[in-house]
N, C-alpha and C. Protein backbone atom coordinates (compact mmCIF):
# COMPACT_ATOMS: atom_id res chain seq x y z
N GLY A 1 -65.52 113.59 17.92
CA GLY A 1 -65.02 112.42 17.78
C GLY A 1 -64.36 111.79 19.04
N LEU A 2 -64.31 110.49 19.13
CA LEU A 2 -63.58 109.91 20.40
C LEU A 2 -62.06 109.66 20.23
N SER A 3 -61.41 110.34 19.41
CA SER A 3 -60.02 110.06 19.14
C SER A 3 -59.28 110.63 20.47
N ARG A 4 -57.99 110.03 20.62
CA ARG A 4 -57.11 110.61 21.89
C ARG A 4 -57.15 112.20 21.70
N ALA A 5 -56.76 112.56 20.66
CA ALA A 5 -56.61 114.13 20.42
C ALA A 5 -57.70 114.90 20.82
N ASN A 6 -58.98 114.39 20.29
CA ASN A 6 -60.14 115.09 20.52
C ASN A 6 -60.55 114.96 22.12
N LEU A 7 -60.51 113.78 22.61
CA LEU A 7 -60.74 113.82 24.10
C LEU A 7 -59.84 114.59 24.94
N LEU A 8 -58.61 114.60 24.80
CA LEU A 8 -57.70 115.32 25.45
C LEU A 8 -57.94 116.94 25.38
N ALA A 9 -58.39 117.39 23.98
CA ALA A 9 -58.83 118.63 23.87
C ALA A 9 -60.06 119.21 24.52
N ALA A 10 -60.99 118.33 24.49
CA ALA A 10 -62.24 118.37 25.25
C ALA A 10 -61.88 118.54 26.80
N LEU A 11 -61.14 117.90 27.33
CA LEU A 11 -60.71 117.84 28.58
C LEU A 11 -60.08 119.20 29.08
N ARG A 12 -59.04 119.55 28.18
CA ARG A 12 -58.33 120.88 28.30
C ARG A 12 -59.22 122.01 28.37
N GLY A 13 -60.23 121.92 27.49
CA GLY A 13 -61.23 123.11 27.41
C GLY A 13 -62.40 123.09 28.37
N ARG A 14 -62.40 121.91 29.15
CA ARG A 14 -63.50 121.72 30.09
C ARG A 14 -64.86 121.58 29.34
N HIS A 15 -64.81 121.16 28.16
CA HIS A 15 -66.00 120.80 27.37
C HIS A 15 -66.59 119.47 27.57
N CYS A 16 -67.07 119.06 28.77
CA CYS A 16 -67.26 117.86 29.01
C CYS A 16 -68.56 117.70 30.06
N TYR A 17 -69.11 116.53 30.06
CA TYR A 17 -70.20 116.09 31.01
C TYR A 17 -70.03 114.91 31.61
N SER A 18 -70.64 114.66 32.82
CA SER A 18 -70.58 113.42 33.50
C SER A 18 -71.87 112.66 33.33
N THR A 19 -71.67 111.39 33.06
CA THR A 19 -72.89 110.31 32.97
C THR A 19 -72.54 109.13 33.15
N ARG A 20 -73.36 108.28 33.41
CA ARG A 20 -73.15 106.70 33.18
C ARG A 20 -73.91 106.09 32.23
N ASP A 21 -74.78 106.95 31.45
CA ASP A 21 -75.60 106.61 30.23
C ASP A 21 -74.56 106.67 28.96
N ARG A 22 -74.16 105.65 28.45
CA ARG A 22 -72.93 105.65 27.51
C ARG A 22 -73.51 106.25 26.22
N ASN A 23 -74.83 106.27 25.84
CA ASN A 23 -75.19 106.84 24.62
C ASN A 23 -75.92 108.12 24.61
N CYS A 24 -76.05 108.64 25.81
CA CYS A 24 -76.95 109.98 25.86
C CYS A 24 -75.79 111.05 25.60
N ARG A 25 -76.44 112.10 25.05
CA ARG A 25 -75.48 113.27 24.66
C ARG A 25 -76.07 114.60 25.45
N LEU A 26 -75.28 115.26 25.98
CA LEU A 26 -75.71 116.44 26.51
C LEU A 26 -74.83 117.72 26.03
N LEU A 27 -75.41 118.91 25.78
CA LEU A 27 -74.75 120.00 25.37
C LEU A 27 -75.43 121.09 25.94
N LEU A 28 -74.59 122.07 26.46
CA LEU A 28 -75.02 123.28 27.18
C LEU A 28 -74.34 124.41 26.54
N ARG A 29 -74.84 125.31 26.17
CA ARG A 29 -74.51 126.57 25.70
C ARG A 29 -74.95 127.83 26.42
N VAL A 30 -74.31 128.80 26.86
CA VAL A 30 -74.76 130.01 27.50
C VAL A 30 -74.04 131.16 26.74
N ASN A 31 -75.01 131.92 26.20
CA ASN A 31 -74.56 133.04 25.37
C ASN A 31 -73.69 132.62 24.37
N GLY A 32 -74.01 131.37 23.80
CA GLY A 32 -73.14 130.96 22.53
C GLY A 32 -72.04 130.15 22.95
N ALA A 33 -71.55 130.24 24.29
CA ALA A 33 -70.29 129.65 24.78
C ALA A 33 -70.68 128.22 25.26
N LEU A 34 -69.62 127.26 24.87
CA LEU A 34 -69.87 126.00 25.30
C LEU A 34 -69.47 125.61 26.68
N MET A 35 -70.23 124.60 27.20
CA MET A 35 -70.13 124.10 28.56
C MET A 35 -68.46 124.09 28.84
N GLY A 36 -68.09 124.78 29.97
CA GLY A 36 -66.54 124.61 30.17
C GLY A 36 -66.00 125.95 30.03
N ASP A 37 -66.48 126.87 29.05
CA ASP A 37 -65.94 128.09 28.75
C ASP A 37 -66.03 129.13 29.82
N ILE A 38 -65.24 130.17 29.83
CA ILE A 38 -65.44 131.41 30.53
C ILE A 38 -65.56 132.51 29.58
N VAL A 39 -66.67 133.10 29.66
CA VAL A 39 -66.96 134.26 28.90
C VAL A 39 -66.47 135.39 29.42
N THR A 40 -65.54 136.24 28.70
CA THR A 40 -64.87 137.35 29.33
C THR A 40 -65.77 138.66 28.99
N ALA A 41 -66.50 138.67 27.87
CA ALA A 41 -67.15 139.84 27.54
C ALA A 41 -68.44 140.07 28.42
N PRO A 42 -68.32 141.15 29.06
CA PRO A 42 -69.68 141.31 29.84
C PRO A 42 -71.15 141.28 29.13
N ALA A 43 -72.16 140.80 29.55
CA ALA A 43 -73.40 140.78 28.90
C ALA A 43 -74.37 141.32 29.70
N THR A 44 -75.63 141.52 29.30
CA THR A 44 -76.83 142.06 30.22
C THR A 44 -77.78 140.82 30.36
N LYS A 45 -77.72 139.97 29.48
CA LYS A 45 -78.60 138.77 29.57
C LYS A 45 -77.84 137.56 29.47
N VAL A 46 -78.56 136.43 30.03
CA VAL A 46 -78.01 135.16 30.00
C VAL A 46 -78.93 134.36 29.08
N ARG A 47 -78.44 133.86 27.71
CA ARG A 47 -79.25 133.09 26.94
C ARG A 47 -78.78 131.59 27.14
N VAL A 48 -79.67 130.63 27.52
CA VAL A 48 -79.20 129.21 27.86
C VAL A 48 -79.87 128.38 26.82
N ALA A 49 -78.98 127.42 26.29
CA ALA A 49 -79.49 126.46 25.33
C ALA A 49 -79.03 125.01 25.80
N VAL A 50 -79.83 124.16 25.90
CA VAL A 50 -79.50 122.83 26.45
C VAL A 50 -80.20 121.82 25.49
N GLU A 51 -79.29 120.88 24.99
CA GLU A 51 -79.76 119.71 24.36
C GLU A 51 -79.48 118.38 24.80
N VAL A 52 -80.53 117.69 25.03
CA VAL A 52 -80.06 116.23 25.20
C VAL A 52 -80.77 115.19 24.35
N ARG A 53 -79.92 114.41 23.88
CA ARG A 53 -80.29 113.28 23.01
C ARG A 53 -79.95 111.97 23.49
N ASP A 54 -81.05 111.20 23.43
CA ASP A 54 -80.88 109.65 23.86
C ASP A 54 -81.66 108.87 23.13
N ASP A 55 -81.61 107.51 23.21
CA ASP A 55 -82.43 106.48 22.53
C ASP A 55 -83.83 106.66 23.22
N GLU A 56 -84.63 106.10 22.54
CA GLU A 56 -86.17 106.29 22.97
C GLU A 56 -86.61 105.69 24.33
N LYS A 57 -85.70 104.62 24.64
CA LYS A 57 -86.07 104.02 25.93
C LYS A 57 -85.65 104.90 27.25
N ASP A 58 -84.87 105.85 26.86
CA ASP A 58 -84.23 106.63 28.14
C ASP A 58 -84.90 107.99 28.06
N VAL A 59 -85.99 108.13 28.89
CA VAL A 59 -86.76 109.28 29.06
C VAL A 59 -86.16 110.22 30.03
N THR A 60 -86.15 111.54 29.55
CA THR A 60 -85.60 112.71 30.21
C THR A 60 -86.71 113.09 31.15
N LYS A 61 -86.52 112.95 32.42
CA LYS A 61 -87.74 113.39 33.47
C LYS A 61 -87.71 114.89 33.63
N LYS A 62 -86.28 115.33 34.00
CA LYS A 62 -86.04 116.71 34.41
C LYS A 62 -84.81 117.23 34.12
N ILE A 63 -84.91 118.54 33.64
CA ILE A 63 -83.53 119.23 33.37
C ILE A 63 -83.60 120.35 34.32
N GLU A 64 -82.54 120.58 35.17
CA GLU A 64 -82.66 121.73 35.95
C GLU A 64 -81.43 122.61 35.69
N LEU A 65 -81.55 123.87 35.75
CA LEU A 65 -80.62 124.92 35.37
C LEU A 65 -80.08 125.41 36.73
N PHE A 66 -78.94 125.43 37.14
CA PHE A 66 -78.24 125.96 38.17
C PHE A 66 -77.62 127.36 37.92
N GLU A 67 -77.78 128.35 38.67
CA GLU A 67 -77.05 129.39 38.68
C GLU A 67 -76.32 129.73 40.01
N ASP A 68 -75.07 129.84 39.93
CA ASP A 68 -74.24 129.86 41.26
C ASP A 68 -74.52 128.79 42.32
N GLY A 69 -74.81 127.66 41.78
CA GLY A 69 -74.95 126.54 42.62
C GLY A 69 -76.54 126.25 43.07
N LYS A 70 -77.57 127.33 42.56
CA LYS A 70 -78.76 126.99 43.19
C LYS A 70 -79.67 126.67 41.80
N ILE A 71 -80.73 125.95 41.95
CA ILE A 71 -81.74 125.73 40.73
C ILE A 71 -82.37 126.78 40.59
N VAL A 72 -82.41 127.42 39.49
CA VAL A 72 -83.32 128.62 39.02
C VAL A 72 -84.37 128.37 37.95
N GLU A 73 -84.25 127.36 37.30
CA GLU A 73 -85.25 126.96 36.28
C GLU A 73 -85.20 125.31 36.13
N THR A 74 -86.48 124.82 35.89
CA THR A 74 -86.57 123.35 35.73
C THR A 74 -87.65 123.14 34.44
N ASP A 75 -87.06 122.09 33.74
CA ASP A 75 -87.94 121.56 32.59
C ASP A 75 -88.26 120.28 32.63
N THR A 76 -89.43 120.01 32.47
CA THR A 76 -89.81 118.48 32.63
C THR A 76 -90.45 117.89 31.30
N PRO A 77 -89.57 117.54 30.36
CA PRO A 77 -89.87 116.99 28.99
C PRO A 77 -90.59 115.79 28.86
N GLY A 78 -90.18 114.78 29.43
CA GLY A 78 -90.75 113.46 29.30
C GLY A 78 -90.59 112.81 28.07
N THR A 79 -89.53 113.21 27.42
CA THR A 79 -89.26 112.65 26.14
C THR A 79 -87.73 112.23 26.25
N ALA A 80 -87.38 111.47 25.15
CA ALA A 80 -85.92 111.14 25.09
C ALA A 80 -84.86 112.10 24.66
N SER A 81 -85.34 112.92 23.81
CA SER A 81 -84.64 114.05 23.40
C SER A 81 -85.29 115.34 23.57
N ARG A 82 -84.50 116.40 23.89
CA ARG A 82 -85.09 117.71 24.12
C ARG A 82 -84.09 118.71 23.82
N LYS A 83 -84.66 119.95 23.23
CA LYS A 83 -83.90 121.13 23.11
C LYS A 83 -84.68 122.07 24.08
N TRP A 84 -83.86 122.84 24.90
CA TRP A 84 -84.72 123.61 25.84
C TRP A 84 -83.74 125.13 25.90
N GLU A 85 -84.52 126.11 25.56
CA GLU A 85 -83.78 127.43 25.49
C GLU A 85 -84.62 128.49 26.39
N LEU A 86 -83.75 129.21 27.06
CA LEU A 86 -84.47 130.20 27.96
C LEU A 86 -83.44 131.33 27.97
N THR A 87 -84.05 132.37 28.55
CA THR A 87 -83.32 133.66 28.85
C THR A 87 -83.47 134.19 30.15
N ARG A 88 -82.51 134.73 30.81
CA ARG A 88 -82.39 135.09 32.18
C ARG A 88 -81.87 136.44 32.32
N THR A 89 -82.19 137.41 33.37
CA THR A 89 -81.61 138.52 33.53
C THR A 89 -80.94 138.55 34.93
N PRO A 90 -79.85 137.91 35.11
CA PRO A 90 -79.35 137.92 36.64
C PRO A 90 -78.93 139.28 37.15
N ALA A 91 -78.55 139.48 38.19
CA ALA A 91 -78.07 140.74 38.91
C ALA A 91 -76.54 140.83 38.44
N PRO A 92 -75.99 142.17 38.17
CA PRO A 92 -74.77 142.32 37.90
C PRO A 92 -73.64 141.65 38.69
N GLY A 93 -72.63 141.11 37.90
CA GLY A 93 -71.56 140.46 38.83
C GLY A 93 -71.21 139.15 37.97
N ARG A 94 -70.42 138.29 38.57
CA ARG A 94 -69.80 137.07 38.04
C ARG A 94 -70.94 135.97 38.56
N HIS A 95 -71.20 135.08 37.47
CA HIS A 95 -72.18 133.99 37.87
C HIS A 95 -71.61 132.64 36.96
N TYR A 96 -72.01 131.67 37.35
CA TYR A 96 -71.69 130.35 36.71
C TYR A 96 -72.95 129.52 36.49
N TYR A 97 -73.15 128.74 35.40
CA TYR A 97 -74.36 127.98 35.16
C TYR A 97 -74.03 126.62 34.75
N PHE A 98 -74.75 125.70 35.15
CA PHE A 98 -74.61 124.37 34.56
C PHE A 98 -75.88 123.67 34.68
N VAL A 99 -76.15 122.42 34.10
CA VAL A 99 -77.28 121.65 34.25
C VAL A 99 -77.17 120.17 34.82
N ARG A 100 -78.32 119.82 35.42
CA ARG A 100 -78.32 118.46 35.90
C ARG A 100 -79.61 117.89 35.10
N VAL A 101 -79.39 116.85 34.45
CA VAL A 101 -80.42 115.99 33.72
C VAL A 101 -80.68 114.74 34.43
N MET A 102 -82.00 114.57 34.75
CA MET A 102 -82.32 113.31 35.25
C MET A 102 -83.40 112.62 34.49
N GLN A 103 -83.17 111.30 34.25
CA GLN A 103 -83.90 110.46 33.44
C GLN A 103 -84.75 109.57 34.42
N ALA A 104 -85.92 109.13 33.69
CA ALA A 104 -86.91 108.41 34.39
C ALA A 104 -86.34 106.94 35.20
N ASP A 105 -85.30 106.50 34.61
CA ASP A 105 -84.60 105.24 35.17
C ASP A 105 -83.68 105.48 36.46
N GLY A 106 -83.60 107.10 36.70
CA GLY A 106 -82.78 107.17 37.78
C GLY A 106 -81.30 107.79 37.42
N GLN A 107 -80.85 107.53 36.10
CA GLN A 107 -79.64 108.13 35.85
C GLN A 107 -79.64 109.54 35.66
N GLN A 108 -78.42 110.14 35.86
CA GLN A 108 -78.19 111.52 35.78
C GLN A 108 -77.10 111.98 34.93
N MET A 109 -77.15 113.06 34.62
CA MET A 109 -75.93 113.81 33.80
C MET A 109 -75.77 115.21 34.37
N TRP A 110 -74.49 115.72 34.48
CA TRP A 110 -74.28 116.96 34.86
C TRP A 110 -73.18 117.59 33.90
N SER A 111 -73.44 118.83 33.45
CA SER A 111 -72.54 119.51 32.44
C SER A 111 -71.51 120.27 33.26
N ALA A 112 -70.49 120.62 32.52
CA ALA A 112 -69.33 121.52 33.06
C ALA A 112 -70.07 122.81 33.14
N PRO A 113 -69.73 123.62 34.17
CA PRO A 113 -70.16 124.97 33.99
C PRO A 113 -69.68 126.01 33.00
N VAL A 114 -70.47 127.13 32.90
CA VAL A 114 -69.98 128.11 31.93
C VAL A 114 -70.18 129.42 32.82
N TRP A 115 -69.02 130.14 32.86
CA TRP A 115 -68.82 131.33 33.85
C TRP A 115 -69.19 132.58 32.87
N VAL A 116 -69.69 133.48 33.36
CA VAL A 116 -70.25 134.78 32.70
C VAL A 116 -70.31 135.88 33.75
N THR A 117 -70.10 137.07 33.31
CA THR A 117 -70.08 138.32 33.71
C THR A 117 -71.20 139.18 33.34
N ILE A 118 -72.06 139.57 34.22
CA ILE A 118 -73.17 140.61 33.86
C ILE A 118 -72.89 141.80 34.26
N LYS A 119 -73.06 142.85 33.37
CA LYS A 119 -72.90 144.19 33.69
C LYS A 119 -74.03 145.05 34.03
């Protein structure tokens, strides 16, 4: 919800994304953790789930997954809404993941990162 308490809780938890498209929704989860989270339990793989929802006139042209600041996967849905899931096996160590969504009209969205440790 958009109540003051909910907005402040989301900001404190870093569970946010940036966009100029007022009605688009973006959700990123990495190993079940919500964007902005720091996953403390070491893992061997990274399971990424991205969900973009918008009205039919705003087509999602491209979704880019970043690992440690570099694009490592790209999806080109060509639809207004998209659920994209993938699994990666990064090198051991600490990593962070975020997504950039580009729409056909040039608007962009950026998720907050999720930090994970790979054993």
